[in-house]
PDB file of N, CA and C in Angstrom:
ATOM      1  N   UNK A   1      -1.210  -7.515 -22.063  1.00  0.00           N
ATOM      2  CA  UNK A   1      -1.137  -6.454 -20.787  1.00  0.00           C
ATOM      3  C   UNK A   1      -0.592  -5.543 -20.792  1.00  0.00           C
ATOM      4  N   UNK A   2      -1.324  -4.820 -20.433  1.00  0.00           N
ATOM      5  CA  UNK A   2      -1.134  -3.195 -20.136  1.00  0.00           C
ATOM      6  C   UNK A   2       0.025  -2.541 -19.618  1.00  0.00           C
ATOM      7  N   UNK A   3       1.193  -1.826 -21.059  1.00  0.00           N
ATOM      8  CA  UNK A   3       2.517  -1.483 -21.006  1.00  0.00           C
ATOM      9  C   UNK A   3       2.148  -0.389 -19.302  1.00  0.00           C
ATOM     10  N   UNK A   4       1.326  -0.012 -18.713  1.00  0.00           N
ATOM     11  CA  UNK A   4       1.668   1.231 -17.901  1.00  0.00           C
ATOM     12  C   UNK A   4       1.893  -0.035 -16.799  1.00  0.00           C
ATOM     13  N   UNK A   5       1.071  -1.272 -16.981  1.00  0.00           N
ATOM     14  CA  UNK A   5       1.223  -1.878 -15.942  1.00  0.00           C
ATOM     15  C   UNK A   5       2.629  -3.342 -15.681  1.00  0.00           C
ATOM     16  N   UNK A   6       3.101  -3.143 -17.469  1.00  0.00           N
ATOM     17  CA  UNK A   6       4.658  -3.312 -17.324  1.00  0.00           C
ATOM     18  C   UNK A   6       5.526  -3.104 -16.523  1.00  0.00           C
ATOM     19  N   UNK A   7       5.312  -1.211 -16.843  1.00  0.00           N
ATOM     20  CA  UNK A   7       6.417  -0.853 -16.604  1.00  0.00           C
ATOM     21  C   UNK A   7       6.335  -0.295 -14.781  1.00  0.00           C
ATOM     22  N   UNK A   8       5.455  -0.413 -14.287  1.00  0.00           N
ATOM     23  CA  UNK A   8       5.047  -0.585 -12.905  1.00  0.00           C
ATOM     24  C   UNK A   8       5.820  -1.488 -12.438  1.00  0.00           C
ATOM     25  N   UNK A   9       5.524  -2.765 -13.075  1.00  0.00           N
ATOM     26  CA  UNK A   9       5.787  -4.490 -12.018  1.00  0.00           C
ATOM     27  C   UNK A   9       7.265  -4.067 -12.288  1.00  0.00           C
ATOM     28  N   UNK A  10       8.305  -3.633 -13.423  1.00  0.00           N
ATOM     29  CA  UNK A  10       9.586  -3.656 -13.349  1.00  0.00           C
ATOM     30  C   UNK A  10      10.031  -2.589 -12.370  1.00  0.00           C
ATOM     31  N   UNK A  11       9.689  -1.311 -12.417  1.00  0.00           N
ATOM     32  CA  UNK A  11      10.071  -0.028 -11.558  1.00  0.00           C
ATOM     33  C   UNK A  11      10.318  -0.835 -10.295  1.00  0.00           C
ATOM     34  N   UNK A  12       8.762  -1.380  -9.616  1.00  0.00           N
ATOM     35  CA  UNK A  12       8.597  -2.164  -8.110  1.00  0.00           C
ATOM     36  C   UNK A  12      10.262  -3.260  -8.107  1.00  0.00           C
ATOM     37  N   UNK A  13      10.687  -3.638  -9.071  1.00  0.00           N
ATOM     38  CA  UNK A  13      11.193  -4.804  -9.338  1.00  0.00           C
ATOM     39  C   UNK A  13      12.482  -4.336  -9.415  1.00  0.00           C
ATOM     40  N   UNK A  14      13.176  -3.135  -9.799  1.00  0.00           N
ATOM     41  CA  UNK A  14      14.243  -2.711  -9.787  1.00  0.00           C
ATOM     42  C   UNK A  14      14.631  -2.350  -8.501  1.00  0.00           C
ATOM     43  N   UNK A  15      13.527  -1.900  -8.104  1.00  0.00           N
ATOM     44  CA  UNK A  15      13.321  -0.817  -6.391  1.00  0.00           C
ATOM     45  C   UNK A  15      13.504  -1.889  -5.260  1.00  0.00           C
ATOM     46  N   UNK A  16      13.639  -3.314  -5.558  1.00  0.00           N
ATOM     47  CA  UNK A  16      13.771  -4.110  -5.030  1.00  0.00           C
ATOM     48  C   UNK A  16      12.609  -4.753  -4.056  1.00  0.00           C
ATOM     49  N   UNK A  17      11.378  -4.573  -4.445  1.00  0.00           N
ATOM     50  CA  UNK A  17       9.970  -5.036  -4.083  1.00  0.00           C
ATOM     51  C   UNK A  17      10.264  -6.764  -3.758  1.00  0.00           C
ATOM     52  N   UNK A  18       9.500  -7.298  -2.680  1.00  0.00           N
ATOM     53  CA  UNK A  18      10.491  -8.253  -2.674  1.00  0.00           C
ATOM     54  C   UNK A  18       8.346  -9.249  -2.054  1.00  0.00           C
ATOM     55  N   UNK A  19       8.085  -9.658  -3.689  1.00  0.00           N
ATOM     56  CA  UNK A  19       6.683 -10.723  -2.960  1.00  0.00           C
ATOM     57  C   UNK A  19       6.598 -11.308  -2.668  1.00  0.00           C
ATOM     58  N   UNK A  20       7.383 -12.491  -2.745  1.00  0.00           N
ATOM     59  CA  UNK A  20       7.560 -13.577  -2.127  1.00  0.00           C
ATOM     60  C   UNK A  20       7.120 -13.543  -0.540  1.00  0.00           C
ATOM     61  N   UNK A  21       7.536 -12.343   0.611  1.00  0.00           N
ATOM     62  CA  UNK A  21       7.557 -11.752   1.496  1.00  0.00           C
ATOM     63  C   UNK A  21       6.117 -12.362   2.418  1.00  0.00           C
ATOM     64  N   UNK A  22       5.281 -11.747   0.979  1.00  0.00           N
ATOM     65  CA  UNK A  22       4.004 -11.547   1.338  1.00  0.00           C
ATOM     66  C   UNK A  22       3.186 -12.104   1.961  1.00  0.00           C
ATOM     67  N   UNK A  23       2.316 -11.646   3.151  1.00  0.00           N
ATOM     68  CA  UNK A  23       1.593 -12.434   4.579  1.00  0.00           C
ATOM     69  C   UNK A  23       0.631 -13.311   3.771  1.00  0.00           C
ATOM     70  N   UNK A  24       0.991 -14.342   3.365  1.00  0.00           N
ATOM     71  CA  UNK A  24      -0.537 -15.247   2.611  1.00  0.00           C
ATOM     72  C   UNK A  24      -1.204 -16.284   3.802  1.00  0.00           C
ATOM     73  N   UNK A  25      -0.282 -16.495   4.953  1.00  0.00           N
ATOM     74  CA  UNK A  25      -0.387 -17.378   5.922  1.00  0.00           C
ATOM     75  C   UNK A  25      -1.202 -17.362   6.855  1.00  0.00           C
ATOM     76  N   UNK A  26      -1.767 -16.471   6.808  1.00  0.00           N
ATOM     77  CA  UNK A  26      -3.168 -15.616   8.128  1.00  0.00           C
ATOM     78  C   UNK A  26      -3.623 -14.666   7.278  1.00  0.00           C
ATOM     79  N   UNK A  27      -5.087 -15.102   7.246  1.00  0.00           N
ATOM     80  CA  UNK A  27      -6.215 -14.472   6.535  1.00  0.00           C
ATOM     81  C   UNK A  27      -6.039 -12.580   7.101  1.00  0.00           C
ATOM     82  N   UNK A  28      -6.100 -12.673   8.436  1.00  0.00           N
ATOM     83  CA  UNK A  28      -5.923 -11.377   8.863  1.00  0.00           C
ATOM     84  C   UNK A  28      -5.236 -10.584   8.589  1.00  0.00           C
ATOM     85  N   UNK A  29      -3.579 -10.907   8.188  1.00  0.00           N
ATOM     86  CA  UNK A  29      -2.378 -10.186   7.860  1.00  0.00           C
ATOM     87  C   UNK A  29      -2.668 -10.126   6.429  1.00  0.00           C
ATOM     88  N   UNK A  30      -3.236 -10.755   5.600  1.00  0.00           N
ATOM     89  CA  UNK A  30      -3.512 -10.689   4.171  1.00  0.00           C
ATOM     90  C   UNK A  30      -4.037  -9.697   3.738  1.00  0.00           C
ATOM     91  N   UNK A  31      -5.415  -9.947   4.971  1.00  0.00           N
ATOM     92  CA  UNK A  31      -6.096  -8.377   4.982  1.00  0.00           C
ATOM     93  C   UNK A  31      -5.639  -6.926   4.891  1.00  0.00           C
ATOM     94  N   UNK A  32      -4.804  -7.192   6.165  1.00  0.00           N
ATOM     95  CA  UNK A  32      -4.396  -5.801   6.749  1.00  0.00           C
ATOM     96  C   UNK A  32      -3.141  -5.122   5.378  1.00  0.00           C
ATOM     97  N   UNK A  33      -2.451  -6.573   4.966  1.00  0.00           N
ATOM     98  CA  UNK A  33      -1.065  -6.158   3.784  1.00  0.00           C
ATOM     99  C   UNK A  33      -1.868  -5.288   2.737  1.00  0.00           C
ATOM    100  N   UNK A  34      -2.844  -6.458   2.472  1.00  0.00           N
ATOM    101  CA  UNK A  34      -3.720  -5.807   0.729  1.00  0.00           C
ATOM    102  C   UNK A  34      -4.067  -4.311   1.179  1.00  0.00           C
ATOM    103  N   UNK A  35      -4.782  -4.198   2.282  1.00  0.00           N
ATOM    104  CA  UNK A  35      -6.122  -3.252   2.319  1.00  0.00           C
ATOM    105  C   UNK A  35      -4.564  -1.515   2.486  1.00  0.00           C
ATOM    106  N   UNK A  36      -3.461  -2.083   2.837  1.00  0.00           N
ATOM    107  CA  UNK A  36      -2.241  -1.143   3.445  1.00  0.00           C
ATOM    108  C   UNK A  36      -2.287  -0.741   1.715  1.00  0.00           C
ATOM    109  N   UNK A  37      -1.672  -1.458   0.740  1.00  0.00           N
ATOM    110  CA  UNK A  37      -1.173  -1.594  -0.472  1.00  0.00           C
ATOM    111  C   UNK A  37      -2.279  -1.031  -1.152  1.00  0.00           C
ATOM    112  N   UNK A  38      -3.499  -0.927  -0.972  1.00  0.00           N
ATOM    113  CA  UNK A  38      -4.661  -0.330  -1.738  1.00  0.00           C
ATOM    114  C   UNK A  38      -4.536   1.256  -1.444  1.00  0.00           C
ATOM    115  N   UNK A  39      -4.736   1.255  -0.276  1.00  0.00           N
ATOM    116  CA  UNK A  39      -5.003   2.736   0.315  1.00  0.00           C
ATOM    117  C   UNK A  39      -3.556   3.220  -0.060  1.00  0.00           C
ATOM    118  N   UNK A  40      -2.405   2.601  -0.486  1.00  0.00           N
ATOM    119  CA  UNK A  40      -0.940   3.407  -0.784  1.00  0.00           C
ATOM    120  C   UNK A  40      -1.056   3.655  -2.482  1.00  0.00           C
ATOM    121  N   UNK A  41      -2.020   3.041  -2.705  1.00  0.00           N
ATOM    122  CA  UNK A  41      -2.569   3.327  -4.493  1.00  0.00           C
ATOM    123  C   UNK A  41      -3.502   4.684  -4.481  1.00  0.00           C
ATOM    124  N   UNK A  42      -4.720   4.233  -3.379  1.00  0.00           N
ATOM    125  CA  UNK A  42      -5.469   4.792  -3.468  1.00  0.00           C
ATOM    126  C   UNK A  42      -5.090   6.408  -3.641  1.00  0.00           C
ATOM    127  N   UNK A  43      -4.342   6.627  -2.591  1.00  0.00           N
ATOM    128  CA  UNK A  43      -2.877   8.246  -2.584  1.00  0.00           C
ATOM    129  C   UNK A  43      -2.572   8.611  -3.007  1.00  0.00           C
ATOM    130  N   UNK A  44      -1.833   7.966  -3.911  1.00  0.00           N
ATOM    131  CA  UNK A  44      -1.632   7.884  -4.931  1.00  0.00           C
ATOM    132  C   UNK A  44      -2.229   8.603  -6.270  1.00  0.00           C
ATOM    133  N   UNK A  45      -3.476   7.928  -6.515  1.00  0.00           N
ATOM    134  CA  UNK A  45      -4.532   8.184  -7.645  1.00  0.00           C
ATOM    135  C   UNK A  45      -5.183   9.487  -7.179  1.00  0.00           C
ATOM    136  N   UNK A  46      -5.072   8.998  -5.811  1.00  0.00           N
ATOM    137  CA  UNK A  46      -6.340  11.096  -6.087  1.00  0.00           C
ATOM    138  C   UNK A  46      -5.357  11.648  -6.049  1.00  0.00           C
ATOM    139  N   UNK A  47      -3.602  11.563  -6.052  1.00  0.00           N
ATOM    140  CA  UNK A  47      -3.087  12.544  -5.952  1.00  0.00           C
ATOM    141  C   UNK A  47      -2.645  13.070  -7.361  1.00  0.00           C
ATOM    142  N   UNK A  48      -3.029  12.192  -8.399  1.00  0.00           N
ATOM    143  CA  UNK A  48      -3.235  12.403  -9.822  1.00  0.00           C
ATOM    144  C   UNK A  48      -4.513  13.132 -10.198  1.00  0.00           C
ATOM    145  N   UNK A  49      -5.538  12.354  -9.615  1.00  0.00           N
ATOM    146  CA  UNK A  49      -6.829  13.297  -9.826  1.00  0.00           C
ATOM    147  C   UNK A  49      -6.444  14.993  -9.148  1.00  0.00           C
ATOM    148  N   UNK A  50      -6.470  15.025  -8.201  1.00  0.00           N
ATOM    149  CA  UNK A  50      -6.379  16.535  -8.038  1.00  0.00           C
ATOM    150  C   UNK A  50      -5.166  17.147  -8.991  1.00  0.00           C
ATOM    151  N   UNK A  51      -4.284  16.614  -9.262  1.00  0.00           N
ATOM    152  CA  UNK A  51      -3.278  17.478 -10.276  1.00  0.00           C
ATOM    153  C   UNK A  51      -4.619  17.710 -11.579  1.00  0.00           C
ATOM    154  N   UNK A  52      -5.035  16.813 -11.755  1.00  0.00           N
ATOM    155  CA  UNK A  52      -5.948  16.632 -13.155  1.00  0.00           C
ATOM    156  C   UNK A  52      -6.785  17.558 -12.915  1.00  0.00           C
ATOM    157  N   UNK A  53      -7.948  17.095 -12.483  1.00  0.00           N
ATOM    158  CA  UNK A  53      -9.407  18.160 -12.416  1.00  0.00           C
ATOM    159  C   UNK A  53      -9.877  18.822 -10.448  1.00  0.00           C
ATOM    160  N   UNK A  54      -9.850  17.547  -9.303  1.00  0.00           N
ATOM    161  CA  UNK A  54      -9.870  18.043  -8.285  1.00  0.00           C
ATOM    162  C   UNK A  54     -10.438  19.332  -7.714  1.00  0.00           C
ATOM    163  N   UNK A  55     -10.932  19.876  -7.155  1.00  0.00           N
ATOM    164  CA  UNK A  55     -10.535  21.386  -6.307  1.00  0.00           C
ATOM    165  C   UNK A  55      -9.608  20.904  -5.027  1.00  0.00           C
ATOM    166  N   UNK A  56      -9.633  21.499  -4.144  1.00  0.00           N
ATOM    167  CA  UNK A  56      -8.810  21.403  -2.892  1.00  0.00           C
ATOM    168  C   UNK A  56      -9.737  20.927  -1.977  1.00  0.00           C
ATOM    169  N   UNK A  57     -10.385  21.545  -1.057  1.00  0.00           N
ATOM    170  CA  UNK A  57     -10.994  20.889   0.243  1.00  0.00           C
ATOM    171  C   UNK A  57     -11.356  19.432  -0.577  1.00  0.00           C
ATOM    172  N   UNK A  58     -12.810  19.234  -1.161  1.00  0.00           N
ATOM    173  CA  UNK A  58     -13.212  18.104  -1.370  1.00  0.00           C
ATOM    174  C   UNK A  58     -11.283  16.577  -1.556  1.00  0.00           C
ATOM    175  N   UNK A  59     -10.541  17.643  -1.886  1.00  0.00           N
ATOM    176  CA  UNK A  59      -9.379  16.573  -2.428  1.00  0.00           C
ATOM    177  C   UNK A  59      -8.896  16.258  -0.666  1.00  0.00           C
ATOM    178  N   UNK A  60      -9.117  16.903   0.175  1.00  0.00           N
ATOM    179  CA  UNK A  60      -8.184  17.349   1.689  1.00  0.00           C
ATOM    180  C   UNK A  60      -9.212  15.876   2.297  1.00  0.00           C
ATOM    181  N   UNK A  61     -10.504  16.178   2.247  1.00  0.00           N
ATOM    182  CA  UNK A  61     -11.510  15.308   2.975  1.00  0.00           C
ATOM    183  C   UNK A  61     -11.152  14.185   2.015  1.00  0.00           C
ATOM    184  N   UNK A  62     -10.772  13.736   1.177  1.00  0.00           N
ATOM    185  CA  UNK A  62     -11.000  12.574   1.155  1.00  0.00           C
ATOM    186  C   UNK A  62      -9.104  11.780   1.656  1.00  0.00           C
ATOM    187  N   UNK A  63      -8.602  12.544   1.303  1.00  0.00           N
ATOM    188  CA  UNK A  63      -6.485  12.151   1.634  1.00  0.00           C
ATOM    189  C   UNK A  63      -7.068  12.084   3.243  1.00  0.00           C
ATOM    190  N   UNK A  64      -7.927  12.185   3.613  1.00  0.00           N
ATOM    191  CA  UNK A  64      -8.194  12.047   4.979  1.00  0.00           C
ATOM    192  C   UNK A  64      -8.519  10.958   5.527  1.00  0.00           C
ATOM    193  N   UNK A  65      -9.516  10.504   4.784  1.00  0.00           N
ATOM    194  CA  UNK A  65     -10.176   9.281   4.841  1.00  0.00           C
ATOM    195  C   UNK A  65      -9.169   7.805   4.231  1.00  0.00           C
ATOM    196  N   UNK A  66      -8.969   8.370   3.534  1.00  0.00           N
ATOM    197  CA  UNK A  66      -7.194   7.330   3.003  1.00  0.00           C
ATOM    198  C   UNK A  66      -6.235   6.906   3.873  1.00  0.00           C
ATOM    199  N   UNK A  67      -6.204   8.093   4.561  1.00  0.00           N
ATOM    200  CA  UNK A  67      -5.084   8.190   5.591  1.00  0.00           C
ATOM    201  C   UNK A  67      -5.356   7.021   6.740  1.00  0.00           C
ATOM    202  N   UNK A  68      -6.507   7.746   7.319  1.00  0.00           N
ATOM    203  CA  UNK A  68      -7.060   6.653   8.474  1.00  0.00           C
ATOM    204  C   UNK A  68      -6.947   5.403   8.268  1.00  0.00           C
ATOM    205  N   UNK A  69      -7.483   5.174   6.975  1.00  0.00           N
ATOM    206  CA  UNK A  69      -7.205   3.197   6.398  1.00  0.00           C
ATOM    207  C   UNK A  69      -5.976   2.940   6.001  1.00  0.00           C
ATOM    208  N   UNK A  70      -4.591   3.776   5.690  1.00  0.00           N
ATOM    209  CA  UNK A  70      -3.439   3.762   5.878  1.00  0.00           C
ATOM    210  C   UNK A  70      -3.150   3.239   7.092  1.00  0.00           C
ATOM    211  N   UNK A  71      -2.926   4.167   7.928  1.00  0.00           N
ATOM    212  CA  UNK A  71      -2.159   3.958   9.798  1.00  0.00           C
ATOM    213  C   UNK A  71      -3.199   2.543   9.844  1.00  0.00           C
ATOM    214  N   UNK A  72      -4.347   2.473   9.664  1.00  0.00           N
ATOM    215  CA  UNK A  72      -4.339   1.331  10.550  1.00  0.00           C
ATOM    216  C   UNK A  72      -4.319  -0.085  10.144  1.00  0.00           C
ATOM    217  N   UNK A  73      -4.360   0.016   8.630  1.00  0.00           N
ATOM    218  CA  UNK A  73      -4.312  -1.065   8.026  1.00  0.00           C
ATOM    219  C   UNK A  73      -2.375  -1.516   7.552  1.00  0.00           C
ATOM    220  N   UNK A  74      -1.489  -0.163   7.830  1.00  0.00           N
ATOM    221  CA  UNK A  74      -0.272  -0.259   7.534  1.00  0.00           C
ATOM    222  C   UNK A  74       0.221  -0.831   9.027  1.00  0.00           C
ATOM    223  N   UNK A  75      -0.155   0.004  10.202  1.00  0.00           N
ATOM    224  CA  UNK A  75       0.278  -0.535  11.764  1.00  0.00           C
ATOM    225  C   UNK A  75       0.185  -2.711  11.514  1.00  0.00           C
ATOM    226  N   UNK A  76      -0.919  -3.203  11.478  1.00  0.00           N
ATOM    227  CA  UNK A  76      -0.771  -4.467  11.388  1.00  0.00           C
ATOM    228  C   UNK A  76      -0.312  -5.083  10.582  1.00  0.00           C
ATOM    229  N   UNK A  77       0.038  -4.488   9.360  1.00  0.00           N
ATOM    230  CA  UNK A  77       0.879  -5.137   8.672  1.00  0.00           C
ATOM    231  C   UNK A  77       2.087  -4.888   8.197  1.00  0.00           C
ATOM    232  N   UNK A  78       2.954  -4.159   8.593  1.00  0.00           N
ATOM    233  CA  UNK A  78       4.105  -3.669   8.833  1.00  0.00           C
ATOM    234  C   UNK A  78       4.077  -4.193  10.051  1.00  0.00           C
ATOM    235  N   UNK A  79       3.653  -4.233  11.406  1.00  0.00           N
ATOM    236  CA  UNK A  79       3.671  -5.351  13.099  1.00  0.00           C
ATOM    237  C   UNK A  79       3.865  -6.332  12.789  1.00  0.00           C
ATOM    238  N   UNK A  80       2.813  -7.055  11.588  1.00  0.00           N
ATOM    239  CA  UNK A  80       3.572  -8.711  11.043  1.00  0.00           C
ATOM    240  C   UNK A  80       4.636  -8.936  10.698  1.00  0.00           C
ATOM    241  N   UNK A  81       5.280  -7.917   9.755  1.00  0.00           N
ATOM    242  CA  UNK A  81       6.529  -8.169   9.142  1.00  0.00           C
ATOM    243  C   UNK A  81       6.940  -7.712  10.589  1.00  0.00           C
ATOM    244  N   UNK A  82       7.117  -6.914  11.043  1.00  0.00           N
ATOM    245  CA  UNK A  82       8.229  -6.825  12.273  1.00  0.00           C
ATOM    246  C   UNK A  82       8.822  -7.683  13.427  1.00  0.00           C
ATOM    247  N   UNK A  83       7.501  -8.990  13.428  1.00  0.00           N
ATOM    248  CA  UNK A  83       7.308  -9.809  14.030  1.00  0.00           C
ATOM    249  C   UNK A  83       8.158 -10.678  13.431  1.00  0.00           C
ATOM    250  N   UNK A  84       7.245 -11.206  11.871  1.00  0.00           N
ATOM    251  CA  UNK A  84       8.406 -12.168  11.236  1.00  0.00           C
ATOM    252  C   UNK A  84       9.825 -12.580  11.520  1.00  0.00           C
ATOM    253  N   UNK A  85      10.285 -10.818  10.868  1.00  0.00           N
ATOM    254  CA  UNK A  85      11.810 -10.661  11.222  1.00  0.00           C
ATOM    255  C   UNK A  85      12.561 -11.047  12.322  1.00  0.00           C
ATOM    256  N   UNK A  86      11.652 -10.347  13.552  1.00  0.00           N
ATOM    257  CA  UNK A  86      12.024 -10.729  15.181  1.00  0.00           C
ATOM    258  C   UNK A  86      12.091 -12.678  15.137  1.00  0.00           C
ATOM    259  N   UNK A  87      11.598 -12.941  14.762  1.00  0.00           N
ATOM    260  CA  UNK A  87      11.397 -14.312  14.702  1.00  0.00           C
ATOM    261  C   UNK A  87      12.214 -15.550  13.783  1.00  0.00           C
ATOM    262  N   UNK A  88      13.287 -14.918  13.057  1.00  0.00           N
ATOM    263  CA  UNK A  88      13.947 -15.525  12.308  1.00  0.00           C
ATOM    264  C   UNK A  88      15.208 -14.713  13.317  1.00  0.00           C
ATOM    265  N   UNK A  89      15.104 -14.105  13.683  1.00  0.00           N
ATOM    266  CA  UNK A  89      17.120 -13.310  14.297  1.00  0.00           C
ATOM    267  C   UNK A  89      16.812 -13.948  15.339  1.00  0.00           C
ATOM    268  N   UNK A  90      15.820 -14.804  15.983  1.00  0.00           N
ATOM    269  CA  UNK A  90      16.340 -15.487  17.218  1.00  0.00           C
ATOM    270  C   UNK A  90      17.023 -16.452  17.097  1.00  0.00           C
TER     271      UNK A  90
END
């Protein structure tokens, strides 16, 4: 296993990431959750590439496109999490 991946996994575990509550019961929720996580990773990767070599204006255009995906998929993914928590409280 890649050492960077191991340290990232360990970091997420220390922060309290809970992969057991990942929405897997409905394909739409799974796609939204995976899209949300992928867009967050894409934002972090784009920040890195901006720091290393990309100019500002192409980076802003890419951030805008990725942000639209993040907003749309995040709304569906986090709405599912909230609905599931509300159902357990009732």
